[in-house]
Amino acid sequence: MRHLREEGELLTAGIDFPLLATSFRGRHALVVARGPGHKRDLRIVRAYVRDFRPVLVAVDGGAEALLEEGWRPDVIVGDMDSVSDDALRSGADVLVHAYREGHAPGEERLRELGVPFATISAPGISEDVALLLAQEKGAELIVAVGTHFNLVEFLERNRAGMSSTFVTRLKVGEILVDAKGVSQLVSRRVGAWPLVALVVAGLAGIVVAIAASPALRSVFTGLADRLLSL
C-alpha cells in the first residue's frame, strides 16, 4: 500500500501536459501498449476504429503494433526505447516520459533524428501518462489495448508499477473501457448507452476490489479526503 499512497499525487496533483497538434476534444481515444494480447485486441477493434476514428495513442512499442495493422499513430508516449525511427518520423506528436527528477533518456535520440518532441515529467509508468493525457485533453471515451492491469495481481503482489496504474484507473475510470468489451458492440455502429453500460461495469469491478480490501478502503478514503480539501 506504500506505493499507492506515494503515487496518489496522480489524483491530487495535475500533470503539465504540453499543447498538441492532435485534438482529442469530443473524440474517442484508443491507447495501445504492446502488452499481453495486444495483437488479438487490435484485430478485433478494427470495426470500432473504422466507425469511430479515435485518436490513436501509442505507448512506446505500441507504435509498431499500430503500424503493423496499417494505422499511423497520432501520439506516441514513452521513453522511446522500443520505437522505430520510422514510427518516430511518422508525423505523430511525440511526448517523452521523463523520470521524476526530469531525466529523459529518449531526448538525445530524438534530437539526433531531428524529430520534434515535448517532455512530460510525471510519476507512474508511460501507460498511465497516456491514459491521463487522453482524459486531460478532452477524450469522450478511452479504449485500452495491451495495458498491464490486473486487480488480482495488484492485491497479491503490491508491485510499484501497479500502484500508479490503479490510481490512474480510479481517475479516468468513468470514461475508460477495455478493447474486448468494445469489440462486442461494434460489429456495426452503436449508440452511447451500451458504451455507458461498459464503463459502469468497469467501475463496479474497481468498487468491488476496494470493498474487499480494508487496506485499499483506507487508502481510497484518504485520497478522497485530500481531493475534497483542495
Protein backbone atom coordinates (compact mmCIF):
# COMPACT_ATOMS: atom_id res chain seq x y z
CA MET A 1 0.00 0.00 0.00
CA ARG A 2 3.00 2.31 0.42
CA HIS A 3 3.35 2.72 -3.34
CA LEU A 4 -0.33 3.58 -3.68
CA ARG A 5 -0.05 6.34 -1.08
CA GLU A 6 3.06 7.78 -2.68
CA GLU A 7 1.61 7.89 -6.16
CA GLY A 8 -1.74 9.28 -5.07
CA GLU A 9 -0.43 12.57 -6.43
CA LEU A 10 -1.71 11.38 -9.80
CA LEU A 11 -5.17 12.12 -8.41
CA THR A 12 -4.46 15.25 -6.42
CA ALA A 13 -1.76 16.99 -8.46
CA GLY A 14 -2.10 17.82 -12.12
CA ILE A 15 0.46 16.98 -14.80
CA ASP A 16 1.64 19.81 -17.04
CA PHE A 17 0.71 18.38 -20.44
CA PRO A 18 2.01 20.31 -23.47
CA LEU A 19 -0.03 21.63 -26.36
CA LEU A 20 -0.50 19.09 -29.15
CA ALA A 21 -1.25 19.30 -32.85
CA THR A 22 -3.68 16.40 -32.33
CA SER A 23 -7.13 17.27 -30.97
CA PHE A 24 -8.84 14.90 -28.52
CA ARG A 25 -11.82 17.10 -27.70
CA GLY A 26 -15.11 15.34 -28.40
CA ARG A 27 -13.40 12.22 -29.80
CA HIS A 28 -12.62 8.72 -28.58
CA ALA A 29 -9.02 7.70 -27.88
CA LEU A 30 -7.51 4.25 -28.47
CA VAL A 31 -4.48 3.81 -26.18
CA VAL A 32 -2.24 0.97 -27.38
CA ALA A 33 0.57 -0.64 -25.38
CA ARG A 34 2.44 -3.69 -26.61
CA GLY A 35 1.23 -5.85 -23.74
CA PRO A 36 -0.35 -9.31 -23.50
CA GLY A 37 -2.90 -9.97 -26.23
CA HIS A 38 -2.42 -6.63 -27.98
CA LYS A 39 -2.28 -8.13 -31.49
CA ARG A 40 -5.54 -10.01 -30.98
CA ASP A 41 -7.22 -6.96 -29.48
CA LEU A 42 -6.12 -4.72 -32.34
CA ARG A 43 -7.63 -7.13 -34.83
CA ILE A 44 -10.96 -7.26 -33.03
CA VAL A 45 -11.27 -3.47 -32.72
CA ARG A 46 -10.90 -2.87 -36.45
CA ALA A 47 -14.62 -2.18 -36.85
CA TYR A 48 -14.51 0.20 -33.90
CA VAL A 49 -11.58 2.15 -35.38
CA ARG A 50 -13.32 2.29 -38.75
CA ASP A 51 -16.61 3.55 -37.31
CA PHE A 52 -15.40 5.93 -34.60
CA ARG A 53 -12.00 7.06 -35.94
CA PRO A 54 -10.47 7.50 -32.48
CA VAL A 55 -7.24 9.33 -31.70
CA LEU A 56 -4.54 6.63 -31.87
CA VAL A 57 -2.23 6.93 -28.86
CA ALA A 58 0.79 4.60 -28.81
CA VAL A 59 2.75 3.75 -25.67
CA ASP A 60 6.34 3.07 -26.77
CA GLY A 61 6.25 -0.19 -28.77
CA GLY A 62 2.52 0.27 -29.28
CA ALA A 63 3.54 2.50 -32.20
CA GLU A 64 4.98 -0.53 -34.00
CA ALA A 65 1.83 -2.52 -33.27
CA LEU A 66 -0.32 0.20 -34.86
CA LEU A 67 1.90 0.44 -37.94
CA GLU A 68 1.76 -3.34 -38.38
CA GLU A 69 -2.03 -3.03 -38.57
CA GLY A 70 -1.76 -0.27 -41.17
CA TRP A 71 -2.60 2.60 -38.80
CA ARG A 72 -0.43 5.65 -38.16
CA PRO A 73 -0.22 6.75 -34.52
CA ASP A 74 -1.41 10.27 -33.77
CA VAL A 75 0.51 10.49 -30.49
CA ILE A 76 3.47 8.47 -29.14
CA VAL A 77 4.15 8.50 -25.39
CA GLY A 78 7.05 6.83 -23.57
CA ASP A 79 10.79 6.71 -23.10
CA MET A 80 11.18 5.76 -26.79
CA ASP A 81 13.35 2.71 -26.13
CA SER A 82 11.23 0.38 -28.27
CA VAL A 83 10.01 2.74 -31.01
CA SER A 84 11.49 2.54 -34.51
CA ASP A 85 12.89 5.53 -36.36
CA ASP A 86 10.12 5.15 -38.95
CA ALA A 87 7.44 5.39 -36.27
CA LEU A 88 9.05 8.46 -34.74
CA ARG A 89 9.20 10.09 -38.18
CA SER A 90 5.57 9.23 -38.97
CA GLY A 91 4.31 12.70 -38.07
CA ALA A 92 2.87 11.84 -34.66
CA ASP A 93 3.02 14.13 -31.65
CA VAL A 94 5.94 12.70 -29.64
CA LEU A 95 5.89 13.02 -25.85
CA VAL A 96 8.92 11.75 -23.93
CA HIS A 97 8.11 10.46 -20.45
CA ALA A 98 10.80 11.76 -18.09
CA TYR A 99 11.69 10.39 -14.69
CA ARG A 100 10.59 12.32 -11.63
CA GLU A 101 13.90 14.15 -11.40
CA GLY A 102 13.48 15.29 -15.01
CA HIS A 103 15.93 12.91 -16.75
CA ALA A 104 14.56 11.69 -20.10
CA PRO A 105 16.80 9.11 -21.85
CA GLY A 106 14.89 9.37 -25.14
CA GLU A 107 15.63 13.05 -25.69
CA GLU A 108 19.12 12.57 -27.13
CA ARG A 109 17.91 10.07 -29.72
CA LEU A 110 15.07 12.33 -30.86
CA ARG A 111 17.42 15.28 -31.23
CA GLU A 112 19.73 13.17 -33.39
CA LEU A 113 16.77 12.18 -35.57
CA GLY A 114 15.57 15.76 -35.81
CA VAL A 115 12.11 14.77 -34.57
CA PRO A 116 10.15 17.49 -32.71
CA PHE A 117 9.07 16.38 -29.25
CA ALA A 118 7.87 17.55 -25.85
CA THR A 119 8.81 16.17 -22.44
CA ILE A 120 6.43 15.14 -19.65
CA SER A 121 7.75 14.67 -16.12
CA ALA A 122 5.29 12.50 -14.20
CA PRO A 123 5.18 9.62 -11.71
CA GLY A 124 3.95 6.22 -12.78
CA ILE A 125 4.50 4.28 -15.98
CA SER A 126 4.04 5.54 -19.54
CA GLU A 127 0.71 3.73 -19.93
CA ASP A 128 -0.66 5.80 -17.06
CA VAL A 129 0.60 9.03 -18.62
CA ALA A 130 -1.07 8.14 -21.93
CA LEU A 131 -4.43 7.49 -20.24
CA LEU A 132 -4.23 10.71 -18.22
CA LEU A 133 -3.24 12.65 -21.35
CA ALA A 134 -6.32 11.45 -23.22
CA GLN A 135 -8.58 12.41 -20.33
CA GLU A 136 -6.94 15.80 -19.78
CA LYS A 137 -7.20 16.67 -23.47
CA GLY A 138 -10.94 16.00 -23.53
CA ALA A 139 -11.45 12.50 -24.93
CA GLU A 140 -15.06 11.35 -24.53
CA LEU A 141 -14.11 7.67 -24.22
CA ILE A 142 -10.78 5.88 -23.79
CA VAL A 143 -10.36 2.33 -25.11
CA ALA A 144 -7.31 0.46 -23.78
CA VAL A 145 -5.38 -2.22 -25.70
CA GLY A 146 -2.48 -4.22 -24.26
CA THR A 147 -2.33 -2.36 -20.96
CA HIS A 148 -0.87 -4.08 -17.89
CA PHE A 149 -3.50 -4.04 -15.19
CA ASN A 150 -4.98 -6.86 -13.18
CA LEU A 151 -6.69 -6.30 -9.82
CA VAL A 152 -5.73 -9.74 -8.53
CA GLU A 153 -2.07 -9.13 -9.40
CA PHE A 154 -2.20 -5.74 -7.71
CA LEU A 155 -3.67 -7.11 -4.49
CA GLU A 156 -1.36 -10.13 -4.36
CA ARG A 157 1.98 -8.65 -5.43
CA ASN A 158 1.75 -4.98 -4.44
CA ARG A 159 4.01 -4.03 -7.36
CA ALA A 160 5.16 -0.40 -7.52
CA GLY A 161 4.06 -0.08 -11.15
CA MET A 162 0.66 -1.47 -10.32
CA SER A 163 0.01 1.24 -7.73
CA SER A 164 0.23 4.09 -10.23
CA THR A 165 -1.93 2.10 -12.64
CA PHE A 166 -4.61 1.54 -10.01
CA VAL A 167 -4.71 5.23 -9.08
CA THR A 168 -4.86 6.20 -12.76
CA ARG A 169 -7.78 3.86 -13.34
CA LEU A 170 -9.64 5.48 -10.46
CA LYS A 171 -9.15 8.89 -12.04
CA VAL A 172 -10.10 8.03 -15.63
CA GLY A 173 -12.45 5.15 -14.77
CA GLU A 174 -15.67 6.86 -15.79
CA ILE A 175 -14.57 7.04 -19.45
CA LEU A 176 -12.24 4.01 -19.68
CA VAL A 177 -13.24 0.69 -21.25
CA ASP A 178 -11.35 -2.39 -22.36
CA ALA A 179 -10.93 -3.25 -26.03
CA LYS A 180 -12.54 -6.65 -25.53
CA GLY A 181 -15.77 -5.08 -24.31
CA VAL A 182 -15.95 -2.54 -27.11
CA SER A 183 -15.35 -5.20 -29.76
CA GLN A 184 -18.54 -7.00 -28.73
CA LEU A 185 -20.63 -3.95 -29.55
CA VAL A 186 -19.22 -2.53 -32.76
CA SER A 187 -19.83 -5.04 -35.49
CA ARG A 188 -21.88 -2.04 -36.51
CA ARG A 189 -22.07 1.49 -35.12
CA VAL A 190 -23.68 1.57 -31.68
CA GLY A 191 -25.28 4.26 -29.60
CA ALA A 192 -23.97 5.75 -26.39
CA TRP A 193 -25.92 3.65 -23.88
CA PRO A 194 -24.14 0.33 -24.48
CA LEU A 195 -20.79 2.10 -24.02
CA VAL A 196 -22.08 3.70 -20.83
CA ALA A 197 -23.03 0.23 -19.59
CA LEU A 198 -19.47 -0.99 -20.22
CA VAL A 199 -18.00 1.91 -18.28
CA VAL A 200 -20.36 1.28 -15.36
CA ALA A 201 -19.37 -2.40 -15.35
CA GLY A 202 -15.69 -1.46 -15.22
CA LEU A 203 -16.26 0.94 -12.33
CA ALA A 204 -18.21 -1.74 -10.49
CA GLY A 205 -15.18 -4.03 -10.64
CA ILE A 206 -13.00 -1.36 -9.03
CA VAL A 207 -15.59 -0.74 -6.31
CA VAL A 208 -15.72 -4.47 -5.53
CA ALA A 209 -11.92 -4.59 -5.24
CA ILE A 210 -11.92 -1.64 -2.83
CA ALA A 211 -14.72 -3.14 -0.76
CA ALA A 212 -12.87 -6.46 -0.50
CA SER A 213 -9.66 -4.92 0.82
CA PRO A 214 -9.57 -2.94 4.09
CA ALA A 215 -6.18 -1.53 3.11
CA LEU A 216 -7.50 -0.25 -0.22
CA ARG A 217 -10.54 1.25 1.52
CA SER A 218 -8.27 3.12 3.90
CA VAL A 219 -6.06 4.47 1.12
CA PHE A 220 -9.01 5.41 -1.11
CA THR A 221 -10.70 7.24 1.78
CA GLY A 222 -7.51 9.19 2.38
CA LEU A 223 -7.26 10.15 -1.29
CA ALA A 224 -10.90 11.24 -1.32
CA ASP A 225 -10.33 13.44 1.74
CA ARG A 226 -7.37 15.08 0.02
CA LEU A 227 -9.41 15.79 -3.10
CA LEU A 228 -12.28 17.31 -1.09
CA SER A 229 -9.88 19.55 0.80
CA LEU A 230 -8.49 21.12 -2.40
